[in-house]
Amino acid sequence: MTGGVVSDAKSAYAEQSERAARRDEAVRAAVEQGLLGPGSPVVGLLDVTGIREAAAGLRAAFEAVTAPGTPVLHAFAVKASPLVPVVRLLHEEGIGAEVASPGELALARAAGLPGEHIVLDAPAKTTAELREALDLGATLHADNPQELDRLDGLMRSSGSRSPIGIRVNPQVGAGSIEALSTATATSKFGVALRDEGAREWVVRAYLDRPWLTRLHVHAGSQGVPLSVMAQGIAETYRLAEEINERAGHRRIDTLDIGGGLAVNFGSDETTPTYAQYARLLSEAVPGLFDGRYGLVTEFGRSLLAKQGTVVARVEYAKSAGGRAVAVTHAGVQVATRTVYAPGTWPLRIAAYDAKGRPKTGPEVVQDVAGPACFAGDLLAEGRALPLLEQGDYAAALDTGAYYFAHHYAYNSLARPGVYGFVPDGAGGVTFATVREPQTIAEIVAESGGSFASSLTELG
């Protein structure tokens, strides 16, 4: 093992240890400061230091392989954590926003992002959405020929300077999670390049429209190997080169290579890293980084997953069929994918005692159950942990993306409060509210409480 590799390994180990230590301190402090307890039995915690470090790691990874002076926009996939304070924090760390709905666009604007730092990639954009993005100067990627027809009409009457491109599907295959694979033969996203006549249609679209200057691909997601992601980007790069050659000049000036870097949910280790991915791309597609093309990325899960933790109080501890069961307040409402597809989305669980301290003792095979009224509402089944008892806390790790910010209102369970934290420099922890916990009154209001008599009054 070379000195550099040894140094990288030590650095990665230190990062993992520090992140785990910050998490443990945050859980303890949340209990001590009353953010967690009988009256607030489930919360989401976000490691602000970890988010800043992840953003810095992303920027550094691509700077290391990209020619000096190359314009690069790293746009956070807002769907991974649609929380305004998170988007604002990442913006301050040099990260833009990739949005896929009017709501996400509104969140990015509320976070203070200018149009030039926003990328709109929604697959079902309305004319009104397209017009709003053009007015803002946001980047737009047309998903299909019909959407491009709409843009033709809008561009004839618009003085917009929005960068515009087409999303293509290189059809390079699926990963281990079919539902998340975006580059299959029949994916709903983009123009399928291997379909008859599609590639030539894309080329002609660029040759006929001088305002088309970008090309977009997103081949990655959880479960997709790096090699497949690289292959999809290489196919798209070759298409850009073909278009520019046939145009006789650099018609396409920027490539959006998407995101989709997988997350390791099995341990505290961050793998793969942005540095590993950037190096792989620089070897597989060297022309991508030589300065001739600007770059856009759209990472989401990999920026936030390991920076978040769902912590829930054990309301009851019982036994069924000889197995211990800890009944907690975190289940399907905050971990929907894990509950409905536990084999695909398993989560690590950490045990804490009633004071929020890491729990020790012999490991016992037990279930960690949620509060919803169906049998499958389990965060973990048959998991070996120190025995969870009434008043203890179970923490679902690596849940900073696609978990507590994506509430599923089964049984009208309330959305939990979300809090960001940093060490206070004096051995303690400082918290900031990201989202307040939902109240019962808000649940009633969102469920038509103001229209209680509307149906009976119909006659």
Protein backbone atom coordinates (compact mmCIF):
# COMPACT_ATOMS: atom_id res chain seq x y z
CA MET A 1 0.00 0.00 0.00
CA THR A 2 1.45 3.37 -1.00
CA GLY A 3 1.86 6.26 1.40
CA GLY A 4 -0.90 8.22 -0.33
CA VAL A 5 -3.38 5.36 -0.06
CA VAL A 6 -2.50 4.83 3.60
CA SER A 7 -3.03 8.55 4.24
CA ASP A 8 -6.39 8.48 2.45
CA ALA A 9 -7.48 5.46 4.50
CA LYS A 10 -6.50 7.15 7.76
CA SER A 11 -8.31 10.32 6.72
CA ALA A 12 -11.46 8.36 5.84
CA TYR A 13 -11.35 6.52 9.17
CA ALA A 14 -10.96 9.80 11.05
CA GLU A 15 -13.90 11.27 9.16
CA GLN A 16 -16.09 8.29 10.07
CA SER A 17 -15.09 8.44 13.73
CA GLU A 18 -15.69 12.17 13.97
CA ARG A 19 -19.09 11.89 12.28
CA ALA A 20 -20.15 9.09 14.67
CA ALA A 21 -18.93 11.11 17.66
CA ARG A 22 -20.88 14.19 16.54
CA ARG A 23 -23.98 12.05 16.10
CA ASP A 24 -23.68 10.54 19.59
CA GLU A 25 -23.22 13.97 21.15
CA ALA A 26 -26.21 15.33 19.23
CA VAL A 27 -28.53 12.56 20.43
CA ARG A 28 -27.45 13.10 24.04
CA ALA A 29 -27.85 16.87 23.72
CA ALA A 30 -31.25 16.54 22.05
CA VAL A 31 -32.51 14.61 25.09
CA GLU A 32 -30.89 17.01 27.56
CA GLN A 33 -32.29 20.08 25.79
CA GLY A 34 -35.80 18.64 25.46
CA LEU A 35 -35.88 18.22 21.69
CA LEU A 36 -36.37 14.50 22.33
CA GLY A 37 -38.57 13.10 25.05
CA PRO A 38 -42.10 11.98 25.92
CA GLY A 39 -43.60 15.13 24.39
CA SER A 40 -41.50 14.98 21.19
CA PRO A 41 -40.78 11.29 20.66
CA VAL A 42 -39.26 11.45 17.15
CA VAL A 43 -36.94 13.97 15.48
CA GLY A 44 -34.67 14.31 12.49
CA LEU A 45 -31.14 15.51 13.17
CA LEU A 46 -28.86 17.02 10.53
CA ASP A 47 -25.08 17.26 10.95
CA VAL A 48 -24.26 20.72 9.58
CA THR A 49 -20.51 20.10 9.80
CA GLY A 50 -20.95 16.92 7.79
CA ILE A 51 -23.00 18.71 5.12
CA ARG A 52 -20.32 21.37 4.73
CA GLU A 53 -17.62 18.69 4.48
CA ALA A 54 -19.59 16.75 1.86
CA ALA A 55 -20.04 19.88 -0.27
CA ALA A 56 -16.34 20.71 0.01
CA GLY A 57 -15.43 17.14 -0.93
CA LEU A 58 -17.60 17.30 -4.04
CA ARG A 59 -16.07 20.56 -5.21
CA ALA A 60 -12.52 19.39 -4.52
CA ALA A 61 -13.02 16.05 -6.31
CA PHE A 62 -13.98 17.69 -9.61
CA GLU A 63 -11.47 20.53 -9.28
CA ALA A 64 -8.74 17.90 -9.08
CA VAL A 65 -9.54 16.50 -12.54
CA THR A 66 -10.92 19.52 -14.40
CA ALA A 67 -8.88 21.97 -16.45
CA PRO A 68 -8.41 25.34 -14.68
CA GLY A 69 -11.03 27.89 -15.61
CA THR A 70 -13.68 25.33 -16.59
CA PRO A 71 -17.14 26.53 -15.49
CA VAL A 72 -18.64 23.94 -13.14
CA LEU A 73 -22.03 24.08 -11.40
CA HIS A 74 -22.76 21.45 -8.77
CA ALA A 75 -26.56 21.53 -8.39
CA PHE A 76 -28.07 19.74 -5.37
CA ALA A 77 -31.00 17.47 -6.29
CA VAL A 78 -33.60 19.16 -4.08
CA LYS A 79 -35.82 16.07 -4.08
CA ALA A 80 -33.27 14.40 -1.78
CA SER A 81 -33.98 16.89 1.01
CA PRO A 82 -36.66 19.47 0.16
CA LEU A 83 -35.95 21.73 3.13
CA VAL A 84 -35.29 25.43 2.53
CA PRO A 85 -32.55 25.79 5.20
CA VAL A 86 -30.69 22.82 3.68
CA VAL A 87 -30.83 24.32 0.20
CA ARG A 88 -29.66 27.68 1.61
CA LEU A 89 -26.75 26.05 3.47
CA LEU A 90 -25.60 24.23 0.36
CA HIS A 91 -25.94 27.42 -1.68
CA GLU A 92 -23.57 29.14 0.75
CA GLU A 93 -21.21 26.21 0.23
CA GLY A 94 -21.14 26.85 -3.52
CA ILE A 95 -23.83 24.34 -4.52
CA GLY A 96 -26.81 25.24 -6.75
CA ALA A 97 -30.17 23.47 -7.01
CA GLU A 98 -31.62 20.93 -9.42
CA VAL A 99 -35.40 20.99 -9.22
CA ALA A 100 -38.12 18.79 -10.68
CA SER A 101 -41.42 20.45 -9.79
CA PRO A 102 -42.97 23.89 -9.18
CA GLY A 103 -42.70 23.21 -5.45
CA GLU A 104 -38.98 22.47 -5.60
CA LEU A 105 -38.41 25.54 -7.75
CA ALA A 106 -40.23 27.61 -5.12
CA LEU A 107 -38.04 26.09 -2.39
CA ALA A 108 -34.88 27.01 -4.29
CA ARG A 109 -36.11 30.56 -4.75
CA ALA A 110 -37.08 30.78 -1.06
CA ALA A 111 -33.54 29.70 -0.22
CA GLY A 112 -32.25 32.70 -2.16
CA LEU A 113 -30.79 30.99 -5.22
CA PRO A 114 -30.53 33.10 -8.37
CA GLY A 115 -31.89 31.66 -11.61
CA GLU A 116 -28.44 30.95 -13.02
CA HIS A 117 -27.81 28.50 -10.16
CA ILE A 118 -31.05 26.55 -10.77
CA VAL A 119 -31.55 23.62 -13.16
CA LEU A 120 -35.10 22.47 -14.02
CA ASP A 121 -35.33 18.82 -15.06
CA ALA A 122 -38.96 17.86 -14.41
CA PRO A 123 -40.31 15.20 -16.80
CA ALA A 124 -43.81 16.74 -17.00
CA LYS A 125 -43.21 20.50 -17.19
CA THR A 126 -46.26 22.61 -18.01
CA THR A 127 -46.07 25.65 -20.27
CA ALA A 128 -46.38 27.86 -17.20
CA GLU A 129 -43.41 26.12 -15.55
CA LEU A 130 -41.30 26.52 -18.67
CA ARG A 131 -42.19 30.20 -18.91
CA GLU A 132 -41.31 30.80 -15.23
CA ALA A 133 -37.93 29.12 -15.64
CA LEU A 134 -37.19 31.15 -18.76
CA ASP A 135 -38.11 34.36 -16.95
CA LEU A 136 -35.72 33.42 -14.13
CA GLY A 137 -32.86 32.56 -16.45
CA ALA A 138 -32.74 29.03 -15.03
CA THR A 139 -31.30 26.14 -17.02
CA LEU A 140 -33.91 23.98 -18.77
CA HIS A 141 -33.56 20.48 -20.19
CA ALA A 142 -36.28 19.37 -22.59
CA ASP A 143 -37.31 15.80 -21.90
CA ASN A 144 -38.96 14.94 -25.22
CA PRO A 145 -39.89 16.28 -28.69
CA GLN A 146 -43.27 17.62 -27.54
CA GLU A 147 -41.63 19.67 -24.81
CA LEU A 148 -39.12 20.99 -27.32
CA ASP A 149 -42.05 22.07 -29.51
CA ARG A 150 -43.39 24.08 -26.57
CA LEU A 151 -40.01 25.68 -26.08
CA ASP A 152 -39.89 26.60 -29.77
CA GLY A 153 -43.03 28.69 -29.29
CA LEU A 154 -41.85 30.25 -26.05
CA MET A 155 -38.41 31.12 -27.40
CA ARG A 156 -39.91 32.99 -30.36
CA SER A 157 -41.42 35.52 -27.95
CA SER A 158 -38.88 35.37 -25.15
CA GLY A 159 -35.67 37.28 -24.65
CA SER A 160 -34.57 34.71 -22.08
CA ARG A 161 -30.91 33.89 -21.62
CA SER A 162 -31.68 30.55 -20.03
CA PRO A 163 -29.27 27.80 -21.04
CA ILE A 164 -31.35 25.09 -22.70
CA GLY A 165 -30.57 21.51 -23.58
CA ILE A 166 -32.12 18.12 -24.24
CA ARG A 167 -32.08 15.18 -21.84
CA VAL A 168 -31.05 11.93 -23.48
CA ASN A 169 -31.28 8.35 -22.31
CA PRO A 170 -28.22 6.37 -23.41
CA GLN A 171 -30.05 3.10 -22.61
CA VAL A 172 -26.99 1.53 -20.99
CA GLY A 173 -28.93 -0.66 -18.57
CA ALA A 174 -30.32 -0.95 -15.07
CA GLY A 175 -28.80 -1.21 -11.63
CA SER A 176 -29.92 -3.46 -8.80
CA ILE A 177 -33.00 -1.33 -8.06
CA GLU A 178 -35.21 -1.34 -11.15
CA ALA A 179 -37.52 1.42 -9.91
CA LEU A 180 -34.61 3.88 -9.66
CA SER A 181 -32.82 2.98 -12.88
CA THR A 182 -33.10 5.86 -15.34
CA ALA A 183 -31.07 4.54 -18.28
CA THR A 184 -32.95 1.37 -19.17
CA ALA A 185 -34.34 0.64 -22.64
CA THR A 186 -37.82 1.77 -21.57
CA SER A 187 -37.05 4.51 -19.03
CA LYS A 188 -39.59 7.34 -18.93
CA PHE A 189 -36.80 9.94 -18.92
CA GLY A 190 -35.27 11.69 -21.90
CA VAL A 191 -34.92 10.82 -25.56
CA ALA A 192 -34.03 7.14 -25.96
CA LEU A 193 -30.89 7.33 -28.10
CA ARG A 194 -30.92 3.75 -29.37
CA ASP A 195 -34.51 3.88 -30.60
CA GLU A 196 -34.81 4.04 -34.38
CA GLY A 197 -34.21 7.55 -35.70
CA ALA A 198 -33.79 9.09 -32.23
CA ARG A 199 -30.10 9.94 -32.41
CA GLU A 200 -30.48 11.71 -35.75
CA TRP A 201 -33.52 13.58 -34.42
CA VAL A 202 -31.43 14.89 -31.51
CA VAL A 203 -28.62 15.97 -33.83
CA ARG A 204 -31.04 17.80 -36.14
CA ALA A 205 -32.71 19.47 -33.17
CA TYR A 206 -29.40 21.08 -32.24
CA LEU A 207 -28.46 21.99 -35.79
CA ASP A 208 -31.80 23.74 -36.26
CA ARG A 209 -31.81 25.67 -32.95
CA PRO A 210 -28.85 27.89 -32.08
CA TRP A 211 -30.29 28.39 -28.56
CA LEU A 212 -29.79 24.70 -27.72
CA THR A 213 -26.37 24.68 -26.07
CA ARG A 214 -26.45 21.96 -23.43
CA LEU A 215 -26.81 18.19 -23.31
CA HIS A 216 -28.07 16.32 -20.26
CA VAL A 217 -27.82 12.71 -19.06
CA HIS A 218 -28.59 11.09 -15.73
CA ALA A 219 -27.65 7.42 -15.73
CA GLY A 220 -26.97 6.93 -12.02
CA SER A 221 -28.90 6.23 -8.86
CA GLN A 222 -28.75 3.98 -5.82
CA GLY A 223 -27.83 0.48 -6.99
CA VAL A 224 -26.26 1.60 -10.28
CA PRO A 225 -22.56 0.64 -10.65
CA LEU A 226 -20.05 3.38 -11.37
CA SER A 227 -19.12 1.62 -14.61
CA VAL A 228 -22.68 1.94 -15.93
CA MET A 229 -22.82 5.60 -14.94
CA ALA A 230 -19.51 6.23 -16.72
CA GLN A 231 -20.72 4.39 -19.81
CA GLY A 232 -23.84 6.55 -19.99
CA ILE A 233 -21.78 9.73 -19.70
CA ALA A 234 -19.30 8.49 -22.31
CA GLU A 235 -22.16 7.84 -24.76
CA THR A 236 -23.50 11.34 -24.17
CA TYR A 237 -20.06 12.90 -24.60
CA ARG A 238 -19.68 11.14 -27.96
CA LEU A 239 -23.06 12.54 -29.01
CA ALA A 240 -21.97 16.06 -28.06
CA GLU A 241 -18.80 15.66 -30.12
CA GLU A 242 -20.85 14.46 -33.10
CA ILE A 243 -23.25 17.40 -32.86
CA ASN A 244 -20.41 19.91 -32.64
CA GLU A 245 -18.58 18.33 -35.55
CA ARG A 246 -21.65 18.42 -37.76
CA ALA A 247 -22.43 21.98 -36.73
CA GLY A 248 -18.91 23.02 -37.61
CA HIS A 249 -18.52 24.87 -34.32
CA ARG A 250 -19.06 24.34 -30.59
CA ARG A 251 -22.86 24.32 -30.54
CA ILE A 252 -22.92 22.35 -27.27
CA ASP A 253 -20.81 24.14 -24.67
CA THR A 254 -21.91 22.40 -21.45
CA LEU A 255 -22.62 18.82 -20.42
CA ASP A 256 -24.87 18.05 -17.47
CA ILE A 257 -23.76 14.61 -16.25
CA GLY A 258 -26.45 14.20 -13.58
CA GLY A 259 -25.79 12.67 -10.19
CA GLY A 260 -26.87 9.38 -8.70
CA LEU A 261 -23.74 8.40 -6.76
CA ALA A 262 -24.73 5.48 -4.55
CA VAL A 263 -24.53 5.56 -0.75
CA ASN A 264 -23.13 2.84 1.48
CA PHE A 265 -25.87 2.09 4.02
CA GLY A 266 -23.93 -0.77 5.61
CA SER A 267 -21.42 1.20 7.70
CA ASP A 268 -20.18 4.68 8.52
CA GLU A 269 -17.73 4.50 5.62
CA THR A 270 -18.39 6.89 2.74
CA THR A 271 -18.01 4.78 -0.37
CA PRO A 272 -17.80 5.37 -3.23
CA THR A 273 -16.38 8.85 -2.79
CA TYR A 274 -16.67 11.81 -5.11
CA ALA A 275 -12.91 11.65 -5.63
CA GLN A 276 -13.12 8.01 -6.78
CA TYR A 277 -15.96 8.80 -9.15
CA ALA A 278 -14.29 11.89 -10.61
CA ARG A 279 -11.05 9.94 -11.21
CA LEU A 280 -12.99 7.13 -12.92
CA LEU A 281 -14.74 9.61 -15.20
CA SER A 282 -11.47 11.36 -16.05
CA GLU A 283 -10.06 8.01 -17.17
CA ALA A 284 -13.19 6.84 -19.02
CA VAL A 285 -14.05 10.19 -20.66
CA PRO A 286 -10.89 12.36 -20.58
CA GLY A 287 -12.28 14.91 -23.04
CA LEU A 288 -14.99 15.76 -20.55
CA PHE A 289 -12.49 17.57 -18.34
CA ASP A 290 -10.10 19.23 -20.80
CA GLY A 291 -11.83 22.61 -20.60
CA ARG A 292 -13.81 22.47 -23.84
CA TYR A 293 -17.08 21.83 -22.02
CA GLY A 294 -18.60 23.39 -18.95
CA LEU A 295 -19.94 20.85 -16.46
CA VAL A 296 -23.06 20.49 -14.32
CA THR A 297 -23.64 17.77 -11.72
CA GLU A 298 -26.83 16.89 -9.83
CA PHE A 299 -25.92 14.92 -6.70
CA GLY A 300 -28.49 14.54 -3.94
CA ARG A 301 -28.49 11.42 -1.78
CA SER A 302 -24.72 11.25 -1.59
CA LEU A 303 -24.50 14.78 -0.16
CA LEU A 304 -27.08 14.33 2.59
CA ALA A 305 -27.69 10.69 3.50
CA LYS A 306 -24.89 10.23 6.01
CA GLN A 307 -25.49 13.63 7.54
CA GLY A 308 -28.94 12.77 8.91
CA THR A 309 -30.37 10.61 11.69
CA VAL A 310 -33.94 9.80 12.71
CA VAL A 311 -34.15 9.30 16.48
CA ALA A 312 -37.27 7.84 18.09
CA ARG A 313 -38.28 7.09 21.66
CA VAL A 314 -39.12 3.52 22.62
CA GLU A 315 -42.67 3.86 23.91
CA TYR A 316 -43.04 0.21 24.85
CA ALA A 317 -40.80 -2.85 25.00
CA LYS A 318 -42.53 -6.19 24.68
CA SER A 319 -42.05 -9.76 23.48
CA ALA A 320 -43.85 -11.78 20.83
CA GLY A 321 -43.10 -15.37 19.95
CA GLY A 322 -39.98 -15.25 22.05
CA ARG A 323 -38.58 -12.19 20.22
CA ALA A 324 -38.10 -8.79 21.82
CA VAL A 325 -39.98 -5.94 20.13
CA ALA A 326 -39.23 -2.26 20.69
CA VAL A 327 -42.24 -0.16 19.69
CA THR A 328 -40.97 3.28 18.66
CA HIS A 329 -42.34 6.44 17.08
CA ALA A 330 -40.40 6.10 13.80
CA GLY A 331 -41.78 3.90 11.10
CA VAL A 332 -43.45 4.16 7.73
CA GLN A 333 -44.13 7.88 8.07
CA VAL A 334 -40.39 8.71 8.02
CA ALA A 335 -38.88 5.58 6.46
CA THR A 336 -41.39 4.63 3.81
CA ARG A 337 -38.99 2.87 1.43
CA THR A 338 -37.42 0.84 4.23
CA VAL A 339 -40.76 -0.33 5.59
CA TYR A 340 -42.21 -1.34 2.22
CA ALA A 341 -38.97 -2.64 0.68
CA PRO A 342 -36.72 -3.65 3.60
CA GLY A 343 -34.53 -5.91 1.48
CA THR A 344 -33.65 -3.04 -0.86
CA TRP A 345 -33.49 -0.23 1.71
CA PRO A 346 -32.18 -1.67 5.00
CA LEU A 347 -31.14 0.83 7.65
CA ARG A 348 -28.58 0.58 10.40
CA ILE A 349 -30.03 1.10 13.87
CA ALA A 350 -28.11 2.49 16.83
CA ALA A 351 -29.35 2.03 20.40
CA TYR A 352 -29.27 4.85 22.97
CA ASP A 353 -30.38 4.82 26.59
CA ALA A 354 -32.97 7.09 28.17
CA LYS A 355 -30.36 9.85 28.63
CA GLY A 356 -29.33 9.69 24.97
CA ARG A 357 -26.07 7.87 25.57
CA PRO A 358 -24.92 4.99 23.32
CA LYS A 359 -26.29 1.81 24.84
CA THR A 360 -23.97 -1.04 25.70
CA GLY A 361 -24.50 -4.59 26.86
CA PRO A 362 -25.13 -7.98 25.28
CA GLU A 363 -26.75 -7.89 21.86
CA VAL A 364 -30.25 -9.31 21.64
CA VAL A 365 -32.08 -10.21 18.42
CA GLN A 366 -35.10 -7.92 18.33
CA ASP A 367 -37.50 -6.05 16.09
CA VAL A 368 -37.58 -2.26 15.98
CA ALA A 369 -41.18 -1.37 15.18
CA GLY A 370 -42.90 1.83 14.18
CA PRO A 371 -46.17 3.40 15.37
CA ALA A 372 -48.34 2.73 12.33
CA CYS A 373 -51.28 0.37 12.57
CA PHE A 374 -50.10 -2.45 10.29
CA ALA A 375 -47.87 -5.41 11.01
CA GLY A 376 -45.13 -4.59 8.53
CA ASP A 377 -44.29 -1.21 10.03
CA LEU A 378 -40.76 -2.19 11.05
CA LEU A 379 -37.55 -0.18 10.90
CA ALA A 380 -35.58 -3.38 11.44
CA GLU A 381 -36.53 -7.03 11.84
CA GLY A 382 -34.49 -9.59 13.74
CA ARG A 383 -31.67 -7.12 14.39
CA ALA A 384 -28.96 -7.82 16.99
CA LEU A 385 -28.68 -4.77 19.28
CA PRO A 386 -28.27 -3.99 22.94
CA LEU A 387 -31.74 -4.62 24.33
CA LEU A 388 -33.97 -1.59 23.78
CA GLU A 389 -36.15 -0.85 26.81
CA GLN A 390 -39.02 1.53 27.51
CA GLY A 391 -37.74 5.10 27.45
CA ASP A 392 -34.65 4.29 25.38
CA TYR A 393 -34.06 5.67 21.88
CA ALA A 394 -33.57 3.93 18.53
CA ALA A 395 -31.71 5.88 15.86
CA ALA A 396 -32.04 5.10 12.15
CA LEU A 397 -28.73 6.09 10.59
CA ASP A 398 -27.90 7.48 7.13
CA THR A 399 -31.37 9.00 6.84
CA GLY A 400 -30.48 12.56 5.80
CA ALA A 401 -31.85 12.05 2.28
CA TYR A 402 -35.29 10.72 1.27
CA TYR A 403 -36.35 10.00 4.86
CA PHE A 404 -37.58 12.54 7.42
CA ALA A 405 -38.12 15.26 4.80
CA HIS A 406 -40.49 13.01 2.79
CA HIS A 407 -43.36 12.49 5.15
CA TYR A 408 -45.94 9.79 4.50
CA ALA A 409 -49.07 10.60 6.48
CA TYR A 410 -50.19 7.05 7.27
CA ASN A 411 -52.54 7.05 10.30
CA SER A 412 -52.30 10.86 10.22
CA LEU A 413 -48.98 10.60 12.01
CA ALA A 414 -47.35 13.99 12.48
CA ARG A 415 -44.28 15.19 10.61
CA PRO A 416 -41.34 15.26 13.02
CA GLY A 417 -39.31 18.33 13.82
CA VAL A 418 -35.97 18.59 12.04
CA TYR A 419 -32.96 20.22 13.66
CA GLY A 420 -29.49 20.99 12.42
CA PHE A 421 -26.61 20.78 14.87
CA VAL A 422 -22.99 21.81 15.32
CA PRO A 423 -20.52 21.35 18.19
CA ASP A 424 -20.52 24.53 20.27
CA GLY A 425 -16.76 24.50 20.85
CA ALA A 426 -17.16 23.95 24.59
CA GLY A 427 -18.07 20.28 24.63
CA GLY A 428 -21.74 20.85 23.92
CA VAL A 429 -24.06 21.02 20.92
CA THR A 430 -25.98 23.93 19.41
CA PHE A 431 -29.22 23.22 17.53
CA ALA A 432 -31.13 25.23 14.94
CA THR A 433 -34.69 24.55 13.81
CA VAL A 434 -34.93 23.40 10.19
CA ARG A 435 -38.62 22.48 10.34
CA GLU A 436 -40.93 22.62 13.33
CA PRO A 437 -42.87 19.48 14.28
CA GLN A 438 -46.34 19.32 12.83
CA THR A 439 -49.17 20.04 15.25
CA ILE A 440 -52.44 18.15 15.61
CA ALA A 441 -54.28 21.31 14.56
CA GLU A 442 -52.25 21.40 11.35
CA ILE A 443 -53.10 17.77 10.64
CA VAL A 444 -56.81 18.54 11.02
CA ALA A 445 -56.53 21.63 8.82
CA GLU A 446 -54.68 19.75 6.08
CA SER A 447 -57.34 17.02 6.24
CA GLY A 448 -60.21 19.32 5.35
CA GLY A 449 -61.09 20.48 8.85
CA SER A 450 -62.46 23.75 7.52
CA PHE A 451 -64.83 21.86 5.21
CA ALA A 452 -66.24 19.37 7.70
CA SER A 453 -69.84 19.89 6.54
CA SER A 454 -69.14 20.27 2.83
CA LEU A 455 -70.27 16.78 1.81
CA THR A 456 -73.33 16.56 4.04
CA GLU A 457 -74.51 19.93 2.71
CA LEU A 458 -74.57 18.61 -0.84
CA GLY A 459 -77.94 17.03 -0.02
